[in-house]
Amino acid sequence: MTRHAVQCSFPRCSEPASYKIAARWSDGRFAELKTYGFACSDHLGPVFQEAEQRQQDYQAAPNEVVEELAIYRYESGKRDRQLQRLWGLEDNYRT
């Protein structure tokens, strides 16, 4: 099975992603991480802040729950529930 490297979401950046910016999402029957972006170390701040703005603008449906935006250490091949949340980094980038 061939895997491709996930790249940073920052425009014109081709670096591999080190972080996943996501929020826990549920429609009452199903739950997952809703991905807002991926970031390399150099672009974590701008990618997180752009994702934060998009999340604030999102109008959830009546049955949807979208929790706060979080930063996870991205590791290719790992499932969302296996990713480590990096609590300390989030406070550095919240607006």
C-alpha atoms as a PDB file:
ATOM      1  CA  MET A   1       0.000   0.000   0.000  1.00  0.00           C
ATOM      2  CA  THR A   2       1.478   3.325  -1.082  1.00  0.00           C
ATOM      3  CA  ARG A   3       1.059   6.349   1.190  1.00  0.00           C
ATOM      4  CA  HIS A   4       1.586   9.901   0.089  1.00  0.00           C
ATOM      5  CA  ALA A   5       2.887  12.564   2.449  1.00  0.00           C
ATOM      6  CA  VAL A   6       0.296  15.045   3.677  1.00  0.00           C
ATOM      7  CA  GLN A   7       1.523  18.565   3.032  1.00  0.00           C
ATOM      8  CA  CYS A   8       1.084  21.756   4.998  1.00  0.00           C
ATOM      9  CA  SER A   9      -2.141  23.641   4.158  1.00  0.00           C
ATOM     10  CA  PHE A  10      -0.399  27.018   4.059  1.00  0.00           C
ATOM     11  CA  PRO A  11      -0.426  28.444   0.503  1.00  0.00           C
ATOM     12  CA  ARG A  12       2.653  27.527  -1.555  1.00  0.00           C
ATOM     13  CA  CYS A  13       4.165  25.424   1.252  1.00  0.00           C
ATOM     14  CA  SER A  14       5.224  21.941   0.238  1.00  0.00           C
ATOM     15  CA  GLU A  15       6.614  20.851   3.603  1.00  0.00           C
ATOM     16  CA  PRO A  16       5.205  17.689   5.179  1.00  0.00           C
ATOM     17  CA  ALA A  17       2.566  18.234   7.855  1.00  0.00           C
ATOM     18  CA  SER A  18       3.592  17.824  11.491  1.00  0.00           C
ATOM     19  CA  TYR A  19       0.248  18.921  12.935  1.00  0.00           C
ATOM     20  CA  LYS A  20      -3.439  18.321  12.300  1.00  0.00           C
ATOM     21  CA  ILE A  21      -5.874  21.084  13.219  1.00  0.00           C
ATOM     22  CA  ALA A  22      -9.267  19.552  13.938  1.00  0.00           C
ATOM     23  CA  ALA A  23     -12.355  19.624  16.144  1.00  0.00           C
ATOM     24  CA  ARG A  24     -14.412  16.759  17.480  1.00  0.00           C
ATOM     25  CA  TRP A  25     -17.669  16.579  15.508  1.00  0.00           C
ATOM     26  CA  SER A  26     -20.834  14.563  15.980  1.00  0.00           C
ATOM     27  CA  ASP A  27     -24.270  14.374  14.402  1.00  0.00           C
ATOM     28  CA  GLY A  28     -25.650  12.355  17.305  1.00  0.00           C
ATOM     29  CA  ARG A  29     -25.103   9.002  15.608  1.00  0.00           C
ATOM     30  CA  PHE A  30     -21.535   9.270  14.382  1.00  0.00           C
ATOM     31  CA  ALA A  31     -18.458  11.093  15.722  1.00  0.00           C
ATOM     32  CA  GLU A  32     -15.086  11.948  14.189  1.00  0.00           C
ATOM     33  CA  LEU A  33     -12.451  14.642  13.977  1.00  0.00           C
ATOM     34  CA  LYS A  34     -13.475  17.357  11.532  1.00  0.00           C
ATOM     35  CA  THR A  35     -10.239  18.412   9.864  1.00  0.00           C
ATOM     36  CA  TYR A  36      -9.640  22.128   9.342  1.00  0.00           C
ATOM     37  CA  GLY A  37      -6.060  21.915   8.109  1.00  0.00           C
ATOM     38  CA  PHE A  38      -2.569  20.484   8.342  1.00  0.00           C
ATOM     39  CA  ALA A  39       0.536  22.467   9.240  1.00  0.00           C
ATOM     40  CA  CYS A  40       4.300  22.238   9.245  1.00  0.00           C
ATOM     41  CA  SER A  41       6.187  23.714  12.211  1.00  0.00           C
ATOM     42  CA  ASP A  42       6.751  27.044  10.435  1.00  0.00           C
ATOM     43  CA  HIS A  43       3.078  27.623   9.588  1.00  0.00           C
ATOM     44  CA  LEU A  44       1.210  26.249  12.593  1.00  0.00           C
ATOM     45  CA  GLY A  45       0.117  29.707  13.787  1.00  0.00           C
ATOM     46  CA  PRO A  46      -1.357  31.002  10.531  1.00  0.00           C
ATOM     47  CA  VAL A  47      -2.996  27.669   9.633  1.00  0.00           C
ATOM     48  CA  PHE A  48      -4.545  27.399  13.122  1.00  0.00           C
ATOM     49  CA  GLN A  49      -5.827  30.991  13.068  1.00  0.00           C
ATOM     50  CA  GLU A  50      -7.337  30.596   9.595  1.00  0.00           C
ATOM     51  CA  ALA A  51      -9.019  27.368  10.738  1.00  0.00           C
ATOM     52  CA  GLU A  52     -10.295  29.131  13.850  1.00  0.00           C
ATOM     53  CA  GLN A  53     -11.941  31.795  11.679  1.00  0.00           C
ATOM     54  CA  ARG A  54     -13.557  29.172   9.427  1.00  0.00           C
ATOM     55  CA  GLN A  55     -14.876  27.319  12.476  1.00  0.00           C
ATOM     56  CA  GLN A  56     -16.378  30.514  13.908  1.00  0.00           C
ATOM     57  CA  ASP A  57     -18.143  31.162  10.585  1.00  0.00           C
ATOM     58  CA  TYR A  58     -19.574  27.617  10.412  1.00  0.00           C
ATOM     59  CA  GLN A  59     -23.310  27.258  11.049  1.00  0.00           C
ATOM     60  CA  ALA A  60     -23.906  23.822  12.533  1.00  0.00           C
ATOM     61  CA  ALA A  61     -27.086  21.948  11.717  1.00  0.00           C
ATOM     62  CA  PRO A  62     -29.528  21.410  14.619  1.00  0.00           C
ATOM     63  CA  ASN A  63     -28.258  17.878  15.273  1.00  0.00           C
ATOM     64  CA  GLU A  64     -24.531  18.688  14.913  1.00  0.00           C
ATOM     65  CA  VAL A  65     -22.067  19.333  17.717  1.00  0.00           C
ATOM     66  CA  VAL A  66     -18.656  20.803  16.854  1.00  0.00           C
ATOM     67  CA  GLU A  67     -16.290  21.109  19.804  1.00  0.00           C
ATOM     68  CA  GLU A  68     -13.381  23.530  20.150  1.00  0.00           C
ATOM     69  CA  LEU A  69     -10.545  23.552  17.662  1.00  0.00           C
ATOM     70  CA  ALA A  70      -7.518  21.506  18.729  1.00  0.00           C
ATOM     71  CA  ILE A  71      -3.968  20.779  17.569  1.00  0.00           C
ATOM     72  CA  TYR A  72      -2.864  17.170  17.206  1.00  0.00           C
ATOM     73  CA  ARG A  73       0.560  15.769  16.373  1.00  0.00           C
ATOM     74  CA  TYR A  74       0.048  14.373  12.879  1.00  0.00           C
ATOM     75  CA  GLU A  75       1.496  10.917  12.254  1.00  0.00           C
ATOM     76  CA  SER A  76       0.871   9.271   8.913  1.00  0.00           C
ATOM     77  CA  GLY A  77      -0.899   5.953   9.179  1.00  0.00           C
ATOM     78  CA  LYS A  78      -2.420   6.626  12.609  1.00  0.00           C
ATOM     79  CA  ARG A  79      -6.162   6.864  13.096  1.00  0.00           C
ATOM     80  CA  ASP A  80      -7.632  10.059  14.547  1.00  0.00           C
ATOM     81  CA  ARG A  81      -8.237   8.487  17.956  1.00  0.00           C
ATOM     82  CA  GLN A  82      -4.535   7.572  18.126  1.00  0.00           C
ATOM     83  CA  LEU A  83      -3.298  11.137  17.565  1.00  0.00           C
ATOM     84  CA  GLN A  84      -1.895  13.018  20.557  1.00  0.00           C
ATOM     85  CA  ARG A  85      -3.610  16.319  21.374  1.00  0.00           C
ATOM     86  CA  LEU A  86      -1.091  19.081  22.072  1.00  0.00           C
ATOM     87  CA  TRP A  87      -2.958  21.153  24.654  1.00  0.00           C
ATOM     88  CA  GLY A  88      -0.119  23.577  25.378  1.00  0.00           C
ATOM     89  CA  LEU A  89       0.311  24.657  21.766  1.00  0.00           C
ATOM     90  CA  GLU A  90      -3.341  25.620  21.351  1.00  0.00           C
ATOM     91  CA  ASP A  91      -3.151  28.409  23.922  1.00  0.00           C
ATOM     92  CA  ASN A  92      -0.239  29.961  22.024  1.00  0.00           C
ATOM     93  CA  TYR A  93      -2.304  30.442  18.855  1.00  0.00           C
ATOM     94  CA  ARG A  94      -5.888  31.166  19.965  1.00  0.00           C
ATOM     95  CA  THR A  95      -7.112  34.623  19.014  1.00  0.00           C
END
